[in-house]
Amino acid sequence: MDIATLAGIIAGIGFIIAGITISGDLRSYYDAPSIMITLGGTFAATLLSYPLRRMLEIFRISKNLFFTKLQDPGNIINQIIDLANIARKEGLLALEEAAYRLDEPFLQKGILLIVDGADPERVRNIMEAELAYLENRHNQGQAIFETMASLSPAFGMIGTLIGLINMLRTLDDPSSVGPNMSVALVTTFYGSVLANLFFIPMATKLKYRSSQEILYKEIMLEGMLSIQAGENPRIIEEKLKAFLPPNERKSLNENTSEGED
């Protein structure tokens, strides 16, 4: 589970509730019409914007925010170095058996293409096409949350207008001013919270994870092509480390040294 995502949501909700209870009454921030206008309007407009199939995927995407774990880049590099050593000692055809033991489909597919005798340019084109499709699929998931982030404050304003119109229509009845003003203000509050605590951060987290996953697959691609070119495993390792930030390179060097000991 991604602790940062869960902790961020809990902390955000906690700070808002604490701020409300310190200066006011939490019950005054609950308003059923405001929830209907903001949440209902946001999801209805998003459903209008995307096909039903894409909207249903939002539940899977939301689950991935909490439970999908990114691969360890050090482990990826170590796997590639192991494959490079096999290819150097036994030849490229010996990689077939090792490929079927890999748990990463992208890396497995590329290695099997190499074993089948595909030329480097063809391998690069096929794998880059798969990367482009992956990035496009991720962008579609991010776009749904970005759409909801833009819509929820707008429906909060719609709720504000509804509340103000109702308040002005019954201004001669003092007892109606409070409830209508509550709808007017609380819907704006709901819209801002949904956008800034949920939808925008979720889209940002998805964008970050997508960039990391694509980076790791680019490492795999560069490693596969280096193996196919017959490069020395040590040279391949140093080349792939260039994709990593300095702290991760240091950690990988330490693990490598421990393994050699």
C-alpha atoms as a PDB file:
ATOM      1  CA  MET A   1       0.000   0.000   0.000  1.00  0.00           C
ATOM      2  CA  ASP A   2       1.160   3.543  -0.756  1.00  0.00           C
ATOM      3  CA  ILE A   3       1.336   5.015   2.751  1.00  0.00           C
ATOM      4  CA  ALA A   4       1.966   8.550   1.439  1.00  0.00           C
ATOM      5  CA  THR A   5      -1.340   8.623  -0.472  1.00  0.00           C
ATOM      6  CA  LEU A   6      -3.350   7.324   2.487  1.00  0.00           C
ATOM      7  CA  ALA A   7      -1.534   9.574   4.967  1.00  0.00           C
ATOM      8  CA  GLY A   8      -2.059  12.633   2.757  1.00  0.00           C
ATOM      9  CA  ILE A   9      -5.809  12.081   2.523  1.00  0.00           C
ATOM     10  CA  ILE A  10      -6.190  11.354   6.246  1.00  0.00           C
ATOM     11  CA  ALA A  11      -4.029  14.342   7.208  1.00  0.00           C
ATOM     12  CA  GLY A  12      -5.879  16.668   4.830  1.00  0.00           C
ATOM     13  CA  ILE A  13      -9.305  15.643   6.106  1.00  0.00           C
ATOM     14  CA  GLY A  14      -8.032  15.755   9.692  1.00  0.00           C
ATOM     15  CA  PHE A  15      -6.673  19.294   9.414  1.00  0.00           C
ATOM     16  CA  ILE A  16      -9.882  20.546   7.800  1.00  0.00           C
ATOM     17  CA  ILE A  17     -12.064  18.956  10.478  1.00  0.00           C
ATOM     18  CA  ALA A  18      -9.778  20.288  13.224  1.00  0.00           C
ATOM     19  CA  GLY A  19      -9.912  23.788  11.752  1.00  0.00           C
ATOM     20  CA  ILE A  20     -13.711  23.653  11.577  1.00  0.00           C
ATOM     21  CA  THR A  21     -14.240  22.321  15.101  1.00  0.00           C
ATOM     22  CA  ILE A  22     -11.823  24.832  16.634  1.00  0.00           C
ATOM     23  CA  SER A  23     -13.710  27.795  15.198  1.00  0.00           C
ATOM     24  CA  GLY A  24     -17.229  26.447  14.670  1.00  0.00           C
ATOM     25  CA  ASP A  25     -19.665  23.544  14.543  1.00  0.00           C
ATOM     26  CA  LEU A  26     -18.898  20.597  12.247  1.00  0.00           C
ATOM     27  CA  ARG A  27     -22.612  19.864  11.760  1.00  0.00           C
ATOM     28  CA  SER A  28     -23.144  23.199  10.058  1.00  0.00           C
ATOM     29  CA  TYR A  29     -20.849  22.027   7.222  1.00  0.00           C
ATOM     30  CA  TYR A  30     -23.103  19.123   6.318  1.00  0.00           C
ATOM     31  CA  ASP A  31     -25.723  19.977   3.721  1.00  0.00           C
ATOM     32  CA  ALA A  32     -27.373  17.283   1.591  1.00  0.00           C
ATOM     33  CA  PRO A  33     -28.391  19.592  -1.300  1.00  0.00           C
ATOM     34  CA  SER A  34     -24.807  20.875  -1.506  1.00  0.00           C
ATOM     35  CA  ILE A  35     -23.481  17.315  -1.733  1.00  0.00           C
ATOM     36  CA  MET A  36     -25.993  16.472  -4.466  1.00  0.00           C
ATOM     37  CA  ILE A  37     -25.107  19.548  -6.502  1.00  0.00           C
ATOM     38  CA  THR A  38     -21.330  19.254  -6.166  1.00  0.00           C
ATOM     39  CA  LEU A  39     -20.710  15.515  -6.246  1.00  0.00           C
ATOM     40  CA  GLY A  40     -23.661  14.629  -8.463  1.00  0.00           C
ATOM     41  CA  GLY A  41     -22.979  17.431 -10.919  1.00  0.00           C
ATOM     42  CA  THR A  42     -19.247  16.639 -11.111  1.00  0.00           C
ATOM     43  CA  PHE A  43     -19.753  12.943 -11.852  1.00  0.00           C
ATOM     44  CA  ALA A  44     -22.617  13.598 -14.274  1.00  0.00           C
ATOM     45  CA  ALA A  45     -20.553  16.085 -16.274  1.00  0.00           C
ATOM     46  CA  THR A  46     -17.535  13.745 -16.241  1.00  0.00           C
ATOM     47  CA  LEU A  47     -19.749  10.918 -17.490  1.00  0.00           C
ATOM     48  CA  LEU A  48     -20.848  13.229 -20.283  1.00  0.00           C
ATOM     49  CA  SER A  49     -17.194  13.900 -21.127  1.00  0.00           C
ATOM     50  CA  TYR A  50     -15.977  10.280 -21.348  1.00  0.00           C
ATOM     51  CA  PRO A  51     -17.323   6.908 -22.512  1.00  0.00           C
ATOM     52  CA  LEU A  52     -18.901   4.743 -19.817  1.00  0.00           C
ATOM     53  CA  ARG A  53     -16.115   2.174 -20.174  1.00  0.00           C
ATOM     54  CA  ARG A  54     -13.506   4.789 -19.299  1.00  0.00           C
ATOM     55  CA  MET A  55     -15.549   6.070 -16.360  1.00  0.00           C
ATOM     56  CA  LEU A  56     -15.878   2.588 -14.887  1.00  0.00           C
ATOM     57  CA  GLU A  57     -12.082   2.304 -14.917  1.00  0.00           C
ATOM     58  CA  ILE A  58     -11.863   5.143 -12.432  1.00  0.00           C
ATOM     59  CA  PHE A  59     -12.436   2.669  -9.596  1.00  0.00           C
ATOM     60  CA  ARG A  60      -9.515   0.508 -10.754  1.00  0.00           C
ATOM     61  CA  ILE A  61      -7.338   3.594 -11.205  1.00  0.00           C
ATOM     62  CA  SER A  62      -8.257   4.834  -7.718  1.00  0.00           C
ATOM     63  CA  LYS A  63      -7.362   1.433  -6.277  1.00  0.00           C
ATOM     64  CA  ASN A  64      -3.989   1.573  -8.039  1.00  0.00           C
ATOM     65  CA  LEU A  65      -3.240   4.859  -6.287  1.00  0.00           C
ATOM     66  CA  PHE A  66      -3.185   3.001  -2.988  1.00  0.00           C
ATOM     67  CA  PHE A  67      -1.957  -0.489  -3.831  1.00  0.00           C
ATOM     68  CA  THR A  68       0.311  -0.320  -6.910  1.00  0.00           C
ATOM     69  CA  LYS A  69       3.991  -0.344  -6.039  1.00  0.00           C
ATOM     70  CA  LEU A  70       6.655   0.889  -8.433  1.00  0.00           C
ATOM     71  CA  GLN A  71       9.489  -1.443  -9.325  1.00  0.00           C
ATOM     72  CA  ASP A  72      12.902  -1.073  -7.748  1.00  0.00           C
ATOM     73  CA  PRO A  73      15.247   0.358 -10.428  1.00  0.00           C
ATOM     74  CA  GLY A  74      18.197  -1.384  -8.802  1.00  0.00           C
ATOM     75  CA  ASN A  75      16.447  -4.724  -9.200  1.00  0.00           C
ATOM     76  CA  ILE A  76      15.724  -3.931 -12.855  1.00  0.00           C
ATOM     77  CA  ILE A  77      19.379  -3.155 -13.543  1.00  0.00           C
ATOM     78  CA  ASN A  78      20.513  -6.287 -11.725  1.00  0.00           C
ATOM     79  CA  GLN A  79      18.147  -8.418 -13.831  1.00  0.00           C
ATOM     80  CA  ILE A  80      19.524  -6.871 -17.023  1.00  0.00           C
ATOM     81  CA  ILE A  81      23.116  -7.458 -15.894  1.00  0.00           C
ATOM     82  CA  ASP A  82      22.276 -11.103 -15.173  1.00  0.00           C
ATOM     83  CA  LEU A  83      20.846 -11.424 -18.690  1.00  0.00           C
ATOM     84  CA  ALA A  84      23.935  -9.710 -20.134  1.00  0.00           C
ATOM     85  CA  ASN A  85      26.199 -12.208 -18.363  1.00  0.00           C
ATOM     86  CA  ILE A  86      24.180 -15.129 -19.732  1.00  0.00           C
ATOM     87  CA  ALA A  87      24.329 -13.702 -23.268  1.00  0.00           C
ATOM     88  CA  ARG A  88      28.074 -13.065 -22.974  1.00  0.00           C
ATOM     89  CA  LYS A  89      28.842 -16.592 -21.747  1.00  0.00           C
ATOM     90  CA  GLU A  90      26.283 -18.693 -23.644  1.00  0.00           C
ATOM     91  CA  GLY A  91      25.059 -16.514 -26.525  1.00  0.00           C
ATOM     92  CA  LEU A  92      21.776 -14.706 -27.233  1.00  0.00           C
ATOM     93  CA  LEU A  93      19.808 -17.917 -27.800  1.00  0.00           C
ATOM     94  CA  ALA A  94      20.452 -18.914 -24.186  1.00  0.00           C
ATOM     95  CA  LEU A  95      18.339 -15.921 -23.087  1.00  0.00           C
ATOM     96  CA  GLU A  96      15.080 -17.639 -24.070  1.00  0.00           C
ATOM     97  CA  GLU A  97      14.920 -19.802 -20.972  1.00  0.00           C
ATOM     98  CA  ALA A  98      15.880 -16.875 -18.736  1.00  0.00           C
ATOM     99  CA  ALA A  99      13.243 -14.656 -20.388  1.00  0.00           C
ATOM    100  CA  TYR A 100      10.416 -16.992 -19.378  1.00  0.00           C
ATOM    101  CA  ARG A 101      11.483 -16.666 -15.748  1.00  0.00           C
ATOM    102  CA  LEU A 102      11.121 -12.861 -15.812  1.00  0.00           C
ATOM    103  CA  ASP A 103       8.089 -11.347 -14.083  1.00  0.00           C
ATOM    104  CA  GLU A 104       8.220  -8.115 -16.119  1.00  0.00           C
ATOM    105  CA  PRO A 105       6.242  -8.525 -19.394  1.00  0.00           C
ATOM    106  CA  PHE A 106       7.935  -5.573 -21.114  1.00  0.00           C
ATOM    107  CA  LEU A 107      11.431  -6.915 -20.491  1.00  0.00           C
ATOM    108  CA  GLN A 108      10.374 -10.453 -21.357  1.00  0.00           C
ATOM    109  CA  LYS A 109       8.869  -9.370 -24.676  1.00  0.00           C
ATOM    110  CA  GLY A 110      11.987  -7.451 -25.694  1.00  0.00           C
ATOM    111  CA  ILE A 111      14.340 -10.311 -24.811  1.00  0.00           C
ATOM    112  CA  LEU A 112      12.224 -12.798 -26.773  1.00  0.00           C
ATOM    113  CA  LEU A 113      12.301 -10.469 -29.788  1.00  0.00           C
ATOM    114  CA  ILE A 114      16.088 -10.461 -29.559  1.00  0.00           C
ATOM    115  CA  VAL A 115      16.167 -14.260 -29.273  1.00  0.00           C
ATOM    116  CA  ASP A 116      13.936 -14.504 -32.356  1.00  0.00           C
ATOM    117  CA  GLY A 117      16.539 -12.575 -34.340  1.00  0.00           C
ATOM    118  CA  ALA A 118      14.788  -9.214 -34.744  1.00  0.00           C
ATOM    119  CA  ASP A 119      17.230  -6.468 -35.724  1.00  0.00           C
ATOM    120  CA  PRO A 120      17.934  -3.692 -33.162  1.00  0.00           C
ATOM    121  CA  GLU A 121      15.934  -1.060 -35.060  1.00  0.00           C
ATOM    122  CA  ARG A 122      12.878  -3.295 -35.171  1.00  0.00           C
ATOM    123  CA  VAL A 123      13.199  -4.127 -31.478  1.00  0.00           C
ATOM    124  CA  ARG A 124      13.442  -0.419 -30.639  1.00  0.00           C
ATOM    125  CA  ASN A 125      10.439   0.474 -32.816  1.00  0.00           C
ATOM    126  CA  ILE A 126       8.229  -2.261 -31.334  1.00  0.00           C
ATOM    127  CA  MET A 127       9.116  -1.479 -27.731  1.00  0.00           C
ATOM    128  CA  GLU A 128       8.861   2.291 -28.188  1.00  0.00           C
ATOM    129  CA  ALA A 129       5.397   1.804 -29.721  1.00  0.00           C
ATOM    130  CA  GLU A 130       4.413  -0.128 -26.614  1.00  0.00           C
ATOM    131  CA  LEU A 131       5.811   2.651 -24.445  1.00  0.00           C
ATOM    132  CA  ALA A 132       3.811   5.248 -26.383  1.00  0.00           C
ATOM    133  CA  TYR A 133       0.620   3.218 -25.901  1.00  0.00           C
ATOM    134  CA  LEU A 134       1.343   2.877 -22.171  1.00  0.00           C
ATOM    135  CA  GLU A 135       1.870   6.622 -21.807  1.00  0.00           C
ATOM    136  CA  ASN A 136      -1.325   7.366 -23.726  1.00  0.00           C
ATOM    137  CA  ARG A 137      -3.307   4.971 -21.512  1.00  0.00           C
ATOM    138  CA  HIS A 138      -1.904   6.619 -18.400  1.00  0.00           C
ATOM    139  CA  ASN A 139      -2.702  10.080 -19.745  1.00  0.00           C
ATOM    140  CA  GLN A 140      -6.334   9.073 -20.208  1.00  0.00           C
ATOM    141  CA  GLY A 141      -6.584   8.053 -16.560  1.00  0.00           C
ATOM    142  CA  GLN A 142      -4.990  11.317 -15.441  1.00  0.00           C
ATOM    143  CA  ALA A 143      -7.349  13.294 -17.690  1.00  0.00           C
ATOM    144  CA  ILE A 144     -10.425  11.944 -15.887  1.00  0.00           C
ATOM    145  CA  PHE A 145      -9.210  13.248 -12.531  1.00  0.00           C
ATOM    146  CA  GLU A 146      -8.100  16.533 -14.098  1.00  0.00           C
ATOM    147  CA  THR A 147     -11.574  16.923 -15.592  1.00  0.00           C
ATOM    148  CA  MET A 148     -13.224  16.314 -12.221  1.00  0.00           C
ATOM    149  CA  ALA A 149     -10.788  18.770 -10.630  1.00  0.00           C
ATOM    150  CA  SER A 150     -11.915  21.482 -13.045  1.00  0.00           C
ATOM    151  CA  LEU A 151     -15.617  20.629 -12.754  1.00  0.00           C
ATOM    152  CA  SER A 152     -16.064  20.339  -8.987  1.00  0.00           C
ATOM    153  CA  PRO A 153     -15.308  24.030  -8.175  1.00  0.00           C
ATOM    154  CA  ALA A 154     -17.586  25.014 -11.074  1.00  0.00           C
ATOM    155  CA  PHE A 155     -20.466  23.006  -9.611  1.00  0.00           C
ATOM    156  CA  GLY A 156     -19.626  24.523  -6.246  1.00  0.00           C
ATOM    157  CA  MET A 157     -20.249  27.921  -7.835  1.00  0.00           C
ATOM    158  CA  ILE A 158     -23.460  26.650  -9.404  1.00  0.00           C
ATOM    159  CA  GLY A 159     -24.594  25.615  -5.923  1.00  0.00           C
ATOM    160  CA  THR A 160     -23.679  29.080  -4.676  1.00  0.00           C
ATOM    161  CA  LEU A 161     -25.826  30.671  -7.378  1.00  0.00           C
ATOM    162  CA  ILE A 162     -28.732  28.359  -6.565  1.00  0.00           C
ATOM    163  CA  GLY A 163     -28.494  29.253  -2.885  1.00  0.00           C
ATOM    164  CA  LEU A 164     -28.328  32.977  -3.593  1.00  0.00           C
ATOM    165  CA  ILE A 165     -31.254  32.845  -6.004  1.00  0.00           C
ATOM    166  CA  ASN A 166     -33.376  30.974  -3.453  1.00  0.00           C
ATOM    167  CA  MET A 167     -32.316  33.394  -0.737  1.00  0.00           C
ATOM    168  CA  LEU A 168     -33.235  36.463  -2.788  1.00  0.00           C
ATOM    169  CA  ARG A 169     -36.532  34.904  -3.858  1.00  0.00           C
ATOM    170  CA  THR A 170     -37.601  34.410  -0.245  1.00  0.00           C
ATOM    171  CA  LEU A 171     -35.837  37.379   1.275  1.00  0.00           C
ATOM    172  CA  ASP A 172     -39.057  38.497   2.945  1.00  0.00           C
ATOM    173  CA  ASP A 173     -38.959  35.289   5.040  1.00  0.00           C
ATOM    174  CA  PRO A 174     -36.070  35.645   7.521  1.00  0.00           C
ATOM    175  CA  SER A 175     -36.202  31.940   8.432  1.00  0.00           C
ATOM    176  CA  SER A 176     -35.197  30.932   4.872  1.00  0.00           C
ATOM    177  CA  VAL A 177     -32.125  33.154   4.667  1.00  0.00           C
ATOM    178  CA  GLY A 178     -29.941  30.852   6.800  1.00  0.00           C
ATOM    179  CA  PRO A 179     -30.595  27.548   4.954  1.00  0.00           C
ATOM    180  CA  ASN A 180     -30.260  29.136   1.516  1.00  0.00           C
ATOM    181  CA  MET A 181     -27.064  30.929   2.478  1.00  0.00           C
ATOM    182  CA  SER A 182     -25.746  27.608   3.823  1.00  0.00           C
ATOM    183  CA  VAL A 183     -26.267  25.957   0.413  1.00  0.00           C
ATOM    184  CA  ALA A 184     -24.677  28.979  -1.243  1.00  0.00           C
ATOM    185  CA  LEU A 185     -21.473  28.779   0.781  1.00  0.00           C
ATOM    186  CA  VAL A 186     -21.119  25.081   1.581  1.00  0.00           C
ATOM    187  CA  THR A 187     -21.267  24.005  -2.070  1.00  0.00           C
ATOM    188  CA  THR A 188     -18.293  26.247  -2.847  1.00  0.00           C
ATOM    189  CA  PHE A 189     -16.490  24.680   0.111  1.00  0.00           C
ATOM    190  CA  TYR A 190     -17.252  21.145  -1.104  1.00  0.00           C
ATOM    191  CA  GLY A 191     -16.118  21.950  -4.627  1.00  0.00           C
ATOM    192  CA  SER A 192     -12.807  23.400  -3.454  1.00  0.00           C
ATOM    193  CA  VAL A 193     -12.096  20.478  -1.108  1.00  0.00           C
ATOM    194  CA  LEU A 194     -12.873  17.870  -3.771  1.00  0.00           C
ATOM    195  CA  ALA A 195     -10.645  19.578  -6.322  1.00  0.00           C
ATOM    196  CA  ASN A 196      -7.691  20.481  -4.115  1.00  0.00           C
ATOM    197  CA  LEU A 197      -7.594  17.582  -1.654  1.00  0.00           C
ATOM    198  CA  PHE A 198      -8.648  14.733  -3.926  1.00  0.00           C
ATOM    199  CA  PHE A 199      -8.793  15.181  -7.701  1.00  0.00           C
ATOM    200  CA  ILE A 200      -5.746  17.405  -8.370  1.00  0.00           C
ATOM    201  CA  PRO A 201      -3.407  15.444  -6.032  1.00  0.00           C
ATOM    202  CA  MET A 202      -4.642  12.145  -7.507  1.00  0.00           C
ATOM    203  CA  ALA A 203      -3.948  13.337 -11.047  1.00  0.00           C
ATOM    204  CA  THR A 204      -0.508  14.549  -9.959  1.00  0.00           C
ATOM    205  CA  LYS A 205       0.311  11.208  -8.278  1.00  0.00           C
ATOM    206  CA  LEU A 206      -0.774   9.312 -11.398  1.00  0.00           C
ATOM    207  CA  LYS A 207       1.400  11.578 -13.551  1.00  0.00           C
ATOM    208  CA  TYR A 208       4.411  10.985 -11.292  1.00  0.00           C
ATOM    209  CA  ARG A 209       3.927   7.217 -11.293  1.00  0.00           C
ATOM    210  CA  SER A 210       3.510   7.190 -15.061  1.00  0.00           C
ATOM    211  CA  SER A 211       6.765   9.106 -15.573  1.00  0.00           C
ATOM    212  CA  GLN A 212       8.593   6.720 -13.229  1.00  0.00           C
ATOM    213  CA  GLU A 213       7.208   3.606 -14.899  1.00  0.00           C
ATOM    214  CA  ILE A 214       8.131   4.904 -18.350  1.00  0.00           C
ATOM    215  CA  LEU A 215      11.639   5.767 -17.108  1.00  0.00           C
ATOM    216  CA  TYR A 216      12.118   2.246 -15.774  1.00  0.00           C
ATOM    217  CA  LYS A 217      10.951   0.752 -19.050  1.00  0.00           C
ATOM    218  CA  GLU A 218      13.368   3.016 -20.931  1.00  0.00           C
ATOM    219  CA  ILE A 219      16.106   1.545 -18.731  1.00  0.00           C
ATOM    220  CA  MET A 220      14.943  -1.923 -19.768  1.00  0.00           C
ATOM    221  CA  LEU A 221      14.913  -0.960 -23.439  1.00  0.00           C
ATOM    222  CA  GLU A 222      18.417   0.511 -23.318  1.00  0.00           C
ATOM    223  CA  GLY A 223      19.623  -2.573 -21.478  1.00  0.00           C
ATOM    224  CA  MET A 224      18.051  -4.951 -24.006  1.00  0.00           C
ATOM    225  CA  LEU A 225      19.622  -3.141 -26.951  1.00  0.00           C
ATOM    226  CA  SER A 226      22.996  -3.101 -25.198  1.00  0.00           C
ATOM    227  CA  ILE A 227      22.768  -6.861 -24.632  1.00  0.00           C
ATOM    228  CA  GLN A 228      21.877  -7.366 -28.282  1.00  0.00           C
ATOM    229  CA  ALA A 229      24.897  -5.266 -29.287  1.00  0.00           C
ATOM    230  CA  GLY A 230      27.139  -7.551 -27.233  1.00  0.00           C
ATOM    231  CA  GLU A 231      28.373  -4.860 -24.849  1.00  0.00           C
ATOM    232  CA  ASN A 232      30.298  -5.750 -21.711  1.00  0.00           C
ATOM    233  CA  PRO A 233      27.992  -6.241 -18.671  1.00  0.00           C
ATOM    234  CA  ARG A 234      30.047  -3.746 -16.648  1.00  0.00           C
ATOM    235  CA  ILE A 235      29.654  -1.108 -19.378  1.00  0.00           C
ATOM    236  CA  ILE A 236      25.904  -1.830 -19.540  1.00  0.00           C
ATOM    237  CA  GLU A 237      25.623  -1.401 -15.770  1.00  0.00           C
ATOM    238  CA  GLU A 238      27.366   1.982 -15.816  1.00  0.00           C
ATOM    239  CA  LYS A 239      25.237   3.102 -18.763  1.00  0.00           C
ATOM    240  CA  LEU A 240      21.979   2.170 -16.999  1.00  0.00           C
ATOM    241  CA  LYS A 241      23.031   3.833 -13.758  1.00  0.00           C
ATOM    242  CA  ALA A 242      23.074   7.130 -15.656  1.00  0.00           C
ATOM    243  CA  PHE A 243      19.252   6.994 -15.672  1.00  0.00           C
ATOM    244  CA  LEU A 244      19.154   7.090 -11.866  1.00  0.00           C
ATOM    245  CA  PRO A 245      19.582  10.017  -9.446  1.00  0.00           C
ATOM    246  CA  PRO A 246      22.890  10.063  -7.499  1.00  0.00           C
ATOM    247  CA  ASN A 247      21.428   8.682  -4.241  1.00  0.00           C
ATOM    248  CA  GLU A 248      19.971   5.647  -6.029  1.00  0.00           C
ATOM    249  CA  ARG A 249      23.251   5.069  -7.880  1.00  0.00           C
ATOM    250  CA  LYS A 250      25.084   5.069  -4.543  1.00  0.00           C
ATOM    251  CA  SER A 251      22.608   2.597  -3.065  1.00  0.00           C
ATOM    252  CA  LEU A 252      22.976   0.334  -6.097  1.00  0.00           C
ATOM    253  CA  ASN A 253      26.788   0.478  -5.843  1.00  0.00           C
ATOM    254  CA  GLU A 254      26.600  -0.518  -2.164  1.00  0.00           C
ATOM    255  CA  ASN A 255      24.307  -3.463  -2.938  1.00  0.00           C
ATOM    256  CA  THR A 256      26.587  -4.560  -5.767  1.00  0.00           C
ATOM    257  CA  SER A 257      29.623  -4.415  -3.488  1.00  0.00           C
ATOM    258  CA  GLU A 258      27.833  -6.498  -0.841  1.00  0.00           C
ATOM    259  CA  GLY A 259      26.878  -9.048  -3.479  1.00  0.00           C
ATOM    260  CA  GLU A 260      30.472  -9.318  -4.666  1.00  0.00           C
ATOM    261  CA  ASP A 261      31.686  -9.846  -1.080  1.00  0.00           C
END
